[in-house]
Protein backbone atom coordinates (compact mmCIF):
# COMPACT_ATOMS: atom_id res chain seq x y z
CA MET A 1 1.31 -25.65 -21.51
CA ASN A 2 -1.68 -23.62 -21.93
CA ARG A 3 -2.77 -20.63 -19.86
CA VAL A 4 -5.22 -22.31 -17.39
CA ALA A 5 -2.62 -24.87 -16.30
CA THR A 6 0.41 -22.91 -15.46
CA THR A 7 -2.39 -20.57 -13.42
CA LEU A 8 -3.37 -23.41 -11.48
CA MET A 9 0.05 -24.66 -11.27
CA ALA A 10 1.30 -20.89 -9.83
CA LEU A 11 -1.43 -21.06 -7.73
CA LEU A 12 -0.90 -24.68 -6.42
CA VAL A 13 2.62 -23.59 -5.72
CA LEU A 14 1.74 -20.52 -3.61
CA LEU A 15 -0.73 -22.57 -1.71
CA VAL A 16 2.38 -24.97 -1.23
CA ILE A 17 5.32 -22.47 0.08
CA ALA A 18 2.96 -20.24 1.89
CA ALA A 19 1.96 -23.33 3.70
CA LEU A 20 6.05 -24.02 4.06
CA SER A 21 6.24 -20.66 5.56
CA LEU A 22 4.07 -21.13 8.28
CA PHE A 23 6.70 -24.03 9.50
CA VAL A 24 9.98 -22.11 8.83
CA GLY A 25 11.51 -20.10 11.77
CA VAL A 26 13.78 -20.39 14.75
CA ILE A 27 11.21 -21.57 17.16
CA ASP A 28 10.07 -25.43 16.05
CA LEU A 29 6.27 -25.17 14.76
CA GLN A 30 5.10 -28.49 13.56
CA PRO A 31 1.57 -29.08 12.24
CA LYS A 32 0.66 -32.11 14.73
CA ASN A 33 1.57 -29.67 18.09
CA LEU A 34 -0.99 -26.81 16.66
CA PHE A 35 -3.39 -27.53 19.22
CA ASN A 36 -0.68 -26.75 21.80
CA PRO A 37 -1.63 -23.37 23.10
CA GLU A 38 1.86 -21.86 22.82
CA GLN A 39 2.16 -23.62 19.53
CA LEU A 40 -0.76 -22.10 18.07
CA GLU A 41 -0.21 -18.58 19.77
CA LEU A 42 2.96 -18.65 17.51
CA LEU A 43 1.15 -19.27 14.47
CA LEU A 44 -1.51 -16.76 15.41
CA VAL A 45 0.71 -13.81 16.71
CA SER A 46 3.87 -14.54 14.62
CA ARG A 47 3.99 -16.95 11.47
CA LEU A 48 0.45 -16.13 10.12
CA PRO A 49 0.76 -12.32 10.01
CA ARG A 50 4.30 -12.77 8.51
CA THR A 51 3.15 -14.75 5.94
CA LEU A 52 -0.08 -12.54 4.85
CA ALA A 53 2.15 -9.53 4.90
CA VAL A 54 4.31 -11.37 2.39
CA LEU A 55 1.83 -12.28 0.37
CA ILE A 56 0.02 -8.98 0.27
CA THR A 57 3.67 -7.09 -0.34
CA GLY A 58 4.54 -9.38 -3.29
CA SER A 59 1.19 -9.18 -4.91
CA ALA A 60 0.48 -5.47 -4.49
CA LEU A 61 4.11 -4.25 -5.86
CA ALA A 62 3.75 -6.64 -8.59
CA VAL A 63 0.58 -5.28 -9.80
CA CYS A 64 2.01 -1.59 -8.91
CA GLY A 65 4.44 -2.49 -11.54
CA THR A 66 2.17 -3.42 -14.22
CA ILE A 67 0.23 -0.07 -13.51
CA ILE A 68 3.42 2.14 -14.04
CA GLN A 69 4.83 0.19 -17.07
CA LEU A 70 1.36 1.04 -18.63
CA LEU A 71 1.48 4.55 -17.67
CA VAL A 72 4.94 5.09 -18.87
CA ARG A 73 5.04 2.68 -21.72
CA ASN A 74 8.09 0.89 -20.85
CA ARG A 75 8.74 -2.45 -19.67
CA PHE A 76 11.79 -1.44 -17.84
CA VAL A 77 10.37 0.87 -15.05
CA GLU A 78 9.29 -0.10 -11.48
CA PRO A 79 7.83 2.01 -8.59
CA MET A 80 11.09 1.29 -5.94
CA THR A 81 13.59 2.57 -8.61
CA ALA A 82 11.80 4.93 -10.63
CA GLY A 83 11.36 8.09 -7.70
CA THR A 84 8.06 6.65 -6.02
CA GLY A 85 10.09 4.31 -3.32
CA GLN A 86 12.64 7.55 -3.17
CA GLY A 87 9.74 9.77 -2.92
CA THR A 88 8.23 7.96 0.04
CA MET A 89 11.59 7.82 2.03
CA LEU A 90 11.59 11.62 1.64
CA GLY A 91 7.97 11.79 3.14
CA ILE A 92 9.17 9.69 6.18
CA LEU A 93 12.00 11.70 6.38
CA ILE A 94 9.91 14.86 6.86
CA ALA A 95 7.43 12.93 9.00
CA ILE A 96 10.56 12.40 11.63
CA LEU A 97 11.98 15.77 11.23
CA TYR A 98 8.62 17.97 11.55
CA PHE A 99 5.98 15.56 12.76
CA PRO A 100 7.96 13.17 15.19
CA SER A 101 4.76 13.00 17.48
CA ALA A 102 2.29 12.40 14.46
CA SER A 103 0.39 9.10 14.30
CA LEU A 104 1.08 5.97 12.19
CA ILE A 105 -1.62 6.90 9.73
CA VAL A 106 -0.50 10.74 9.39
CA GLN A 107 2.95 9.58 8.72
CA ILE A 108 1.52 7.15 6.02
CA CYS A 109 -0.04 10.35 4.29
CA ILE A 110 2.87 12.20 4.10
CA ALA A 111 4.63 9.59 2.58
CA ALA A 112 2.09 8.94 -0.04
CA THR A 113 1.78 12.18 -0.59
CA MET A 114 5.50 12.45 -1.39
CA ALA A 115 5.72 9.69 -3.56
CA LEU A 116 2.56 10.77 -5.53
CA ILE A 117 4.65 14.05 -5.67
CA SER A 118 7.42 12.01 -6.87
CA SER A 119 5.62 9.60 -9.54
CA ILE A 120 3.96 12.98 -11.05
CA GLY A 121 7.64 14.37 -11.19
CA LEU A 122 8.67 11.04 -13.26
CA MET A 123 5.38 11.57 -15.55
CA LEU A 124 6.29 15.00 -16.13
CA ILE A 125 9.74 14.27 -17.47
CA VAL A 126 8.82 10.89 -19.11
CA ILE A 127 6.25 12.65 -21.48
CA LYS A 128 9.76 14.96 -22.99
CA LEU A 129 11.28 11.84 -23.86
CA PRO A 130 10.92 10.49 -27.46
CA ALA A 131 9.11 7.49 -27.89
CA THR A 132 11.22 6.01 -30.05
CA LYS A 133 14.10 5.83 -27.42
CA PRO A 134 12.44 3.74 -24.59
CA LEU A 135 15.80 2.69 -23.06
CA TYR A 136 15.80 6.38 -22.37
CA ILE A 137 12.80 6.39 -19.90
CA ALA A 138 14.48 3.51 -17.86
CA LEU A 139 17.91 5.26 -17.58
CA VAL A 140 15.90 8.57 -16.79
CA GLY A 141 13.95 6.84 -14.26
CA LEU A 142 16.83 5.23 -12.27
CA ILE A 143 18.57 8.54 -12.38
CA TYR A 144 15.48 10.74 -10.78
CA GLY A 145 15.29 8.00 -8.07
CA GLY A 146 18.98 7.98 -7.52
CA ILE A 147 18.92 12.07 -7.28
CA ILE A 148 15.56 11.74 -4.66
CA GLY A 149 17.40 9.02 -2.78
CA ALA A 150 21.05 11.04 -2.77
CA ALA A 151 19.08 13.82 -1.16
CA VAL A 152 17.13 11.74 1.43
CA THR A 153 20.38 10.49 2.24
CA PHE A 154 22.29 13.60 2.67
CA VAL A 155 19.52 14.93 4.60
CA ALA A 156 19.52 12.33 6.62
CA TYR A 157 23.51 12.34 7.53
CA GLN A 158 22.83 16.06 8.56
CA ALA A 159 20.43 15.51 11.32
CA ASP A 160 21.82 12.21 12.33
CA LEU A 161 19.09 9.95 11.07
CA LEU A 162 21.02 8.28 8.83
CA GLN A 163 20.61 4.31 10.51
CA TYR A 164 17.17 5.19 11.13
CA ILE A 165 16.50 5.82 7.58
CA GLU A 166 18.32 2.88 6.61
CA ILE A 167 15.55 0.74 8.33
CA TRP A 168 13.20 1.38 5.42
CA THR A 169 15.85 0.93 2.47
CA THR A 170 16.17 -3.21 3.06
CA GLY A 171 12.68 -4.85 3.08
CA GLU A 172 12.53 -7.37 5.57
CA PHE A 173 9.35 -9.32 7.35
CA SER A 174 11.09 -10.11 10.50
CA GLY A 175 9.50 -7.45 12.88
CA VAL A 176 6.24 -8.55 11.42
CA LEU A 177 3.92 -9.33 14.23
CA GLN A 178 0.07 -9.18 14.96
CA GLY A 179 -0.80 -5.45 15.47
CA ARG A 180 2.36 -4.78 13.42
CA TYR A 181 1.32 -5.50 9.49
CA GLU A 182 -2.35 -4.65 9.45
CA THR A 183 -2.36 -1.25 7.24
CA LEU A 184 -0.88 -3.77 4.39
CA TRP A 185 -4.59 -4.60 3.73
CA ILE A 186 -4.96 -1.14 2.71
CA ALA A 187 -2.44 -1.71 -0.11
CA ALA A 188 -4.14 -4.98 -0.71
CA ILE A 189 -7.62 -2.97 -0.87
CA VAL A 190 -6.04 -0.30 -3.32
CA ALA A 191 -4.71 -3.14 -5.63
CA LEU A 192 -7.97 -4.55 -5.98
CA LEU A 193 -9.80 -1.33 -6.64
CA ALA A 194 -7.49 -0.90 -9.16
CA TYR A 195 -8.14 -4.16 -11.37
CA LEU A 196 -11.59 -3.14 -11.64
CA ILE A 197 -10.12 -0.40 -14.39
CA ALA A 198 -7.36 -2.76 -15.34
CA ASP A 199 -8.83 -2.23 -18.87
CA GLN A 200 -8.34 1.42 -18.78
CA PHE A 201 -4.92 0.91 -17.75
CA ALA A 202 -3.97 -1.17 -20.59
CA ILE A 203 -5.93 1.55 -22.84
CA VAL A 204 -3.60 4.30 -21.37
CA GLY A 205 -0.75 2.20 -22.38
CA MET A 206 -1.52 2.59 -26.15
CA GLY A 207 -0.59 6.22 -25.80
CA ARG A 208 -2.38 9.25 -25.00
CA THR A 209 -3.68 9.96 -28.56
CA THR A 210 -5.29 6.39 -29.00
CA ALA A 211 -6.64 6.41 -25.22
CA ILE A 212 -8.58 9.79 -26.13
CA SER A 213 -9.47 8.65 -29.63
CA LEU A 214 -11.32 5.63 -27.68
CA GLY A 215 -13.43 8.07 -25.46
CA LEU A 216 -11.01 7.43 -22.36
CA ASN A 217 -10.30 10.05 -20.02
CA TYR A 218 -6.80 10.02 -20.08
CA ASN A 219 -5.74 12.42 -17.25
CA GLN A 220 -8.55 10.76 -15.19
CA VAL A 221 -6.80 7.16 -15.44
CA VAL A 222 -2.95 8.35 -15.16
CA VAL A 223 -3.97 10.27 -11.65
CA LEU A 224 -5.92 7.26 -10.65
CA GLY A 225 -3.07 4.83 -11.50
CA LEU A 226 -0.50 7.34 -9.91
CA ILE A 227 -2.40 7.28 -6.63
CA THR A 228 -2.87 3.59 -6.65
CA ILE A 229 1.14 3.03 -6.88
CA SER A 230 1.96 5.52 -4.25
CA ILE A 231 -0.31 4.48 -1.64
CA VAL A 232 0.83 0.96 -2.05
CA THR A 233 4.40 1.91 -2.05
CA ALA A 234 3.89 4.28 0.93
CA LEU A 235 2.23 1.58 2.93
CA THR A 236 4.82 -1.10 2.14
CA VAL A 237 7.92 0.83 2.53
CA VAL A 238 6.66 2.44 5.64
CA THR A 239 5.52 -1.49 7.00
CA VAL A 240 8.63 -3.74 5.84
CA GLY A 241 10.84 -1.38 4.15
CA MET A 242 12.01 -1.01 0.15
CA ILE A 243 11.80 -4.32 -1.85
CA PRO A 244 13.19 -4.18 -5.59
CA PHE A 245 12.72 -5.73 -8.81
CA VAL A 246 9.28 -7.26 -7.82
CA GLY A 247 7.46 -4.62 -9.85
CA LEU A 248 9.69 -5.10 -12.53
CA VAL A 249 10.22 -8.68 -13.34
CA ILE A 250 6.90 -10.23 -12.02
CA PRO A 251 5.30 -7.88 -15.37
CA ASN A 252 7.71 -8.81 -17.65
CA ILE A 253 7.70 -12.44 -16.98
CA VAL A 254 3.85 -12.45 -17.08
CA SER A 255 3.71 -10.52 -20.40
CA ARG A 256 5.69 -12.85 -22.08
CA LEU A 257 3.62 -15.58 -21.11
CA TYR A 258 0.05 -14.31 -21.29
CA GLY A 259 0.25 -11.52 -23.40
CA ASP A 260 -0.71 -7.71 -22.35
CA ASN A 261 -4.43 -8.36 -21.46
CA ALA A 262 -4.50 -6.53 -18.41
CA ARG A 263 -7.73 -8.08 -17.52
CA LEU A 264 -6.08 -11.18 -17.89
CA THR A 265 -2.90 -10.83 -16.42
CA VAL A 266 -3.20 -8.56 -13.29
CA PRO A 267 -4.57 -11.27 -11.04
CA ILE A 268 -1.79 -13.81 -12.15
CA THR A 269 0.84 -11.18 -11.72
CA ALA A 270 -0.63 -11.14 -8.72
CA PHE A 271 -0.20 -14.95 -7.99
CA PHE A 272 3.36 -14.75 -9.25
CA GLY A 273 4.52 -11.65 -7.27
CA ALA A 274 3.44 -13.42 -3.56
CA SER A 275 5.16 -16.27 -4.74
CA LEU A 276 8.27 -14.92 -5.83
CA VAL A 277 8.66 -12.83 -2.86
CA LEU A 278 7.46 -15.28 -0.45
CA ILE A 279 9.87 -17.81 -1.68
CA CYS A 280 12.55 -15.21 -1.25
CA ASP A 281 11.69 -14.72 2.46
CA ILE A 282 11.84 -18.57 2.94
CA ILE A 283 15.59 -18.39 1.59
CA GLY A 284 16.55 -15.37 3.79
CA ARG A 285 15.08 -17.41 6.74
CA LEU A 286 17.29 -20.70 5.79
CA VAL A 287 20.28 -19.54 4.34
CA ARG A 288 22.25 -18.53 7.49
CA TYR A 289 19.51 -20.02 9.86
CA PRO A 290 18.82 -19.65 12.76
CA PHE A 291 19.67 -15.67 11.53
CA GLU A 292 18.12 -13.95 8.79
CA ILE A 293 19.02 -12.30 5.62
CA PRO A 294 16.61 -9.29 4.75
CA VAL A 295 14.17 -10.31 1.92
CA GLY A 296 15.12 -7.25 0.12
CA THR A 297 18.96 -8.86 -0.26
CA ILE A 298 17.44 -11.94 -1.80
CA MET A 299 15.11 -10.48 -3.82
CA GLY A 300 17.90 -8.60 -5.47
CA ILE A 301 19.92 -10.70 -6.12
CA ILE A 302 17.25 -13.18 -7.70
CA GLY A 303 14.94 -9.96 -9.32
CA ALA A 304 18.88 -9.16 -10.83
CA LEU A 305 19.22 -12.54 -12.14
CA ILE A 306 15.66 -12.95 -13.39
CA PHE A 307 16.33 -9.43 -15.16
CA LEU A 308 19.00 -10.34 -17.12
CA TRP A 309 17.36 -13.52 -18.28
CA ILE A 310 14.64 -11.10 -19.39
CA LEU A 311 17.41 -8.95 -21.61
CA TYR A 312 18.98 -11.78 -23.08
CA GLY A 313 16.67 -14.67 -22.79
CA ARG A 314 14.69 -15.28 -26.10
CA GLU A 315 11.88 -13.45 -26.02
CA ARG A 316 8.68 -15.67 -25.89
CA HIS A 317 5.14 -14.41 -27.17
CA ALA A 318 1.84 -14.99 -25.84
CA ARG A 319 -0.72 -16.73 -28.19
């Protein structure tokens, strides 16, 4: 199957499961009843915002996974496990402790700032690691994120905020309604703007020396990438919580199928990321119907299985 056919199939699957998502839930909603005022209100207030939130979250996180993997030149790193997600949690904790009456935008800015600082910290560590030991970067990223996460948990425990913080540790979309997800559109816009400089991220992925020799402002592009990752991660965690593995497995799958041409693969990565998160969300709604399992839990299981397949499966090179 060629690339065009694969892409069209992925887009078709995304459209089908997006339509299915609108009609899956505790309250019965059928296409033939959409002209009913109550059914239409349910669609517009709950089901449609939830579906859009899932699509934006999945696509934006997958794109950010591609960016961070290019920046650190390692395929086993993603924002939610390498410190950026944990830095966002730290920002949320700071906002709760010191700015409890601040508006949502101020809290998001604090979370994004701490996410950026955490991302910069990871980059400073990564550049000291030997390029011949790629697994070191993944392990250091996990340890780095774990340390920040442990610090957040300790402070939250001391301040009796542990349960409050745990709301953001597991991503779920059950609370998404009209008026409660619109900040995610900022993440969508930021991810779209990142696509405009996708070629520059690909050049950065060749290494600092190569990028500079090609006339690229290396530091500027790295900073833009880190800002993109930080904003998207902060908006996602604040709105729906942490969702693991999306930024890890999707870029790897797309890289195997389509190669490393970022200009080509970023839109496809967004499609695949949105599809995977939406499928996990639908599964979470159906497994214990009428109760829900958080999408972060479902994504953790499926993402881990996909990651094991990536590690042990036969590598397939793009043509």
